[in-house]
Amino acid sequence: ARDPNKHDEAMLQEFCVNHHLPAPPMDWGAGATPVALDPTMAPLVSRIKAFQKGGAEQKEVWQAFAGSTKDPARHDAAKLREFIAMFNVP
């Protein structure tokens, strides 16, 4: 499985050691404040995420459009609007 959330802590630690990854910053993790999503972006991101959940084909359409950055929240609003218009995302 590629999703780190599907592995236990020991497996993730082993991965980090084997791949020589640096330790995370001290303020990273449970105590860190998540980055707030721009309120104008939230509905766009939600629409695209809902679209992806419509099936494998819809998820593939988003992934082909998005390129290497699969998370809609990491794209700018113009890119999200372009996708929504191009694929008639409800």
C-alpha atoms as a PDB file:
ATOM      1  CA  ALA A   1       0.000   0.000   0.000  1.00  0.00           C
ATOM      2  CA  ARG A   2       1.272   3.441  -0.914  1.00  0.00           C
ATOM      3  CA  ASP A   3      -0.782   5.308   1.668  1.00  0.00           C
ATOM      4  CA  PRO A   4       1.364   5.951   4.783  1.00  0.00           C
ATOM      5  CA  ASN A   5      -1.812   5.971   6.882  1.00  0.00           C
ATOM      6  CA  LYS A   6      -2.196   2.253   6.182  1.00  0.00           C
ATOM      7  CA  HIS A   7       1.094   1.388   7.903  1.00  0.00           C
ATOM      8  CA  ASP A   8       1.928   1.235  11.588  1.00  0.00           C
ATOM      9  CA  GLU A   9       4.459   3.540  13.221  1.00  0.00           C
ATOM     10  CA  ALA A  10       7.228   0.903  13.295  1.00  0.00           C
ATOM     11  CA  MET A  11       6.956   0.363   9.529  1.00  0.00           C
ATOM     12  CA  LEU A  12       7.070   4.119   8.886  1.00  0.00           C
ATOM     13  CA  GLN A  13      10.093   4.542  11.172  1.00  0.00           C
ATOM     14  CA  GLU A  14      11.889   1.725   9.348  1.00  0.00           C
ATOM     15  CA  PHE A  15      11.093   3.352   6.002  1.00  0.00           C
ATOM     16  CA  CYS A  16      12.490   6.689   7.204  1.00  0.00           C
ATOM     17  CA  VAL A  17      15.678   5.098   8.494  1.00  0.00           C
ATOM     18  CA  ASN A  18      16.210   2.995   5.352  1.00  0.00           C
ATOM     19  CA  HIS A  19      15.740   6.021   3.103  1.00  0.00           C
ATOM     20  CA  HIS A  20      17.792   8.396   5.264  1.00  0.00           C
ATOM     21  CA  LEU A  21      14.936  10.845   5.777  1.00  0.00           C
ATOM     22  CA  PRO A  22      15.526  13.650   8.279  1.00  0.00           C
ATOM     23  CA  ALA A  23      13.512  13.829  11.482  1.00  0.00           C
ATOM     24  CA  PRO A  24      10.442  16.079  11.273  1.00  0.00           C
ATOM     25  CA  PRO A  25      10.585  19.507  12.936  1.00  0.00           C
ATOM     26  CA  MET A  26       9.747  19.567  16.644  1.00  0.00           C
ATOM     27  CA  ASP A  27       6.504  21.502  16.054  1.00  0.00           C
ATOM     28  CA  TRP A  28       5.292  19.031  13.417  1.00  0.00           C
ATOM     29  CA  GLY A  29       2.557  16.516  14.163  1.00  0.00           C
ATOM     30  CA  ALA A  30      -0.314  16.419  16.625  1.00  0.00           C
ATOM     31  CA  GLY A  31       0.456  19.804  18.159  1.00  0.00           C
ATOM     32  CA  ALA A  32       0.853  21.601  14.847  1.00  0.00           C
ATOM     33  CA  THR A  33      -1.924  23.756  13.503  1.00  0.00           C
ATOM     34  CA  PRO A  34      -3.139  22.613  10.078  1.00  0.00           C
ATOM     35  CA  VAL A  35      -2.893  25.075   7.220  1.00  0.00           C
ATOM     36  CA  ALA A  36      -6.232  26.811   6.778  1.00  0.00           C
ATOM     37  CA  LEU A  37      -7.794  26.435   3.368  1.00  0.00           C
ATOM     38  CA  ASP A  38      -8.717  29.711   1.689  1.00  0.00           C
ATOM     39  CA  PRO A  39     -12.508  30.043   2.120  1.00  0.00           C
ATOM     40  CA  THR A  40     -12.941  30.683  -1.604  1.00  0.00           C
ATOM     41  CA  MET A  41     -11.067  27.473  -2.381  1.00  0.00           C
ATOM     42  CA  ALA A  42     -12.956  25.172   0.001  1.00  0.00           C
ATOM     43  CA  PRO A  43     -16.067  24.729  -2.195  1.00  0.00           C
ATOM     44  CA  LEU A  44     -13.943  24.145  -5.307  1.00  0.00           C
ATOM     45  CA  VAL A  45     -11.811  21.539  -3.552  1.00  0.00           C
ATOM     46  CA  SER A  46     -14.911  19.844  -2.136  1.00  0.00           C
ATOM     47  CA  ARG A  47     -16.518  19.622  -5.559  1.00  0.00           C
ATOM     48  CA  ILE A  48     -13.446  18.042  -7.111  1.00  0.00           C
ATOM     49  CA  LYS A  49     -13.024  15.576  -4.242  1.00  0.00           C
ATOM     50  CA  ALA A  50     -16.695  14.583  -4.553  1.00  0.00           C
ATOM     51  CA  PHE A  51     -16.216  14.193  -8.319  1.00  0.00           C
ATOM     52  CA  GLN A  52     -13.275  11.837  -7.742  1.00  0.00           C
ATOM     53  CA  LYS A  53     -15.382   9.696  -5.409  1.00  0.00           C
ATOM     54  CA  GLY A  54     -17.825   9.118  -8.271  1.00  0.00           C
ATOM     55  CA  GLY A  55     -15.719   6.271  -9.589  1.00  0.00           C
ATOM     56  CA  ALA A  56     -12.337   5.147 -10.849  1.00  0.00           C
ATOM     57  CA  GLU A  57     -12.809   6.824 -14.231  1.00  0.00           C
ATOM     58  CA  GLN A  58     -13.552  10.202 -12.641  1.00  0.00           C
ATOM     59  CA  LYS A  59     -10.561   9.853 -10.333  1.00  0.00           C
ATOM     60  CA  GLU A  60      -8.348   9.081 -13.345  1.00  0.00           C
ATOM     61  CA  VAL A  61      -9.691  12.146 -15.174  1.00  0.00           C
ATOM     62  CA  TRP A  62      -8.654  14.366 -12.254  1.00  0.00           C
ATOM     63  CA  GLN A  63      -5.254  12.691 -11.937  1.00  0.00           C
ATOM     64  CA  ALA A  64      -4.543  13.136 -15.652  1.00  0.00           C
ATOM     65  CA  PHE A  65      -5.504  16.803 -15.434  1.00  0.00           C
ATOM     66  CA  ALA A  66      -3.707  17.475 -12.142  1.00  0.00           C
ATOM     67  CA  GLY A  67      -0.341  16.012 -13.078  1.00  0.00           C
ATOM     68  CA  SER A  68       1.989  15.176 -10.210  1.00  0.00           C
ATOM     69  CA  THR A  69       0.022  17.237  -7.669  1.00  0.00           C
ATOM     70  CA  LYS A  70      -3.051  15.113  -6.985  1.00  0.00           C
ATOM     71  CA  ASP A  71      -4.421  17.071  -4.000  1.00  0.00           C
ATOM     72  CA  PRO A  72      -6.889  19.676  -5.312  1.00  0.00           C
ATOM     73  CA  ALA A  73      -6.106  21.932  -2.341  1.00  0.00           C
ATOM     74  CA  ARG A  74      -2.574  22.354  -3.687  1.00  0.00           C
ATOM     75  CA  HIS A  75      -3.764  23.900  -6.957  1.00  0.00           C
ATOM     76  CA  ASP A  76      -4.802  27.498  -7.439  1.00  0.00           C
ATOM     77  CA  ALA A  77      -8.448  28.475  -7.813  1.00  0.00           C
ATOM     78  CA  ALA A  78      -8.089  29.192 -11.544  1.00  0.00           C
ATOM     79  CA  LYS A  79      -6.856  25.648 -12.201  1.00  0.00           C
ATOM     80  CA  LEU A  80      -9.731  24.180 -10.160  1.00  0.00           C
ATOM     81  CA  ARG A  81     -12.303  26.317 -11.982  1.00  0.00           C
ATOM     82  CA  GLU A  82     -10.801  25.254 -15.314  1.00  0.00           C
ATOM     83  CA  PHE A  83     -11.231  21.572 -14.386  1.00  0.00           C
ATOM     84  CA  ILE A  84     -14.767  22.118 -13.066  1.00  0.00           C
ATOM     85  CA  ALA A  85     -15.809  23.862 -16.288  1.00  0.00           C
ATOM     86  CA  MET A  86     -14.004  21.425 -18.588  1.00  0.00           C
ATOM     87  CA  PHE A  87     -15.563  18.317 -17.024  1.00  0.00           C
ATOM     88  CA  ASN A  88     -18.924  19.753 -15.901  1.00  0.00           C
ATOM     89  CA  VAL A  89     -18.219  18.967 -12.248  1.00  0.00           C
ATOM     90  CA  PRO A  90     -21.433  19.457 -10.230  1.00  0.00           C
END
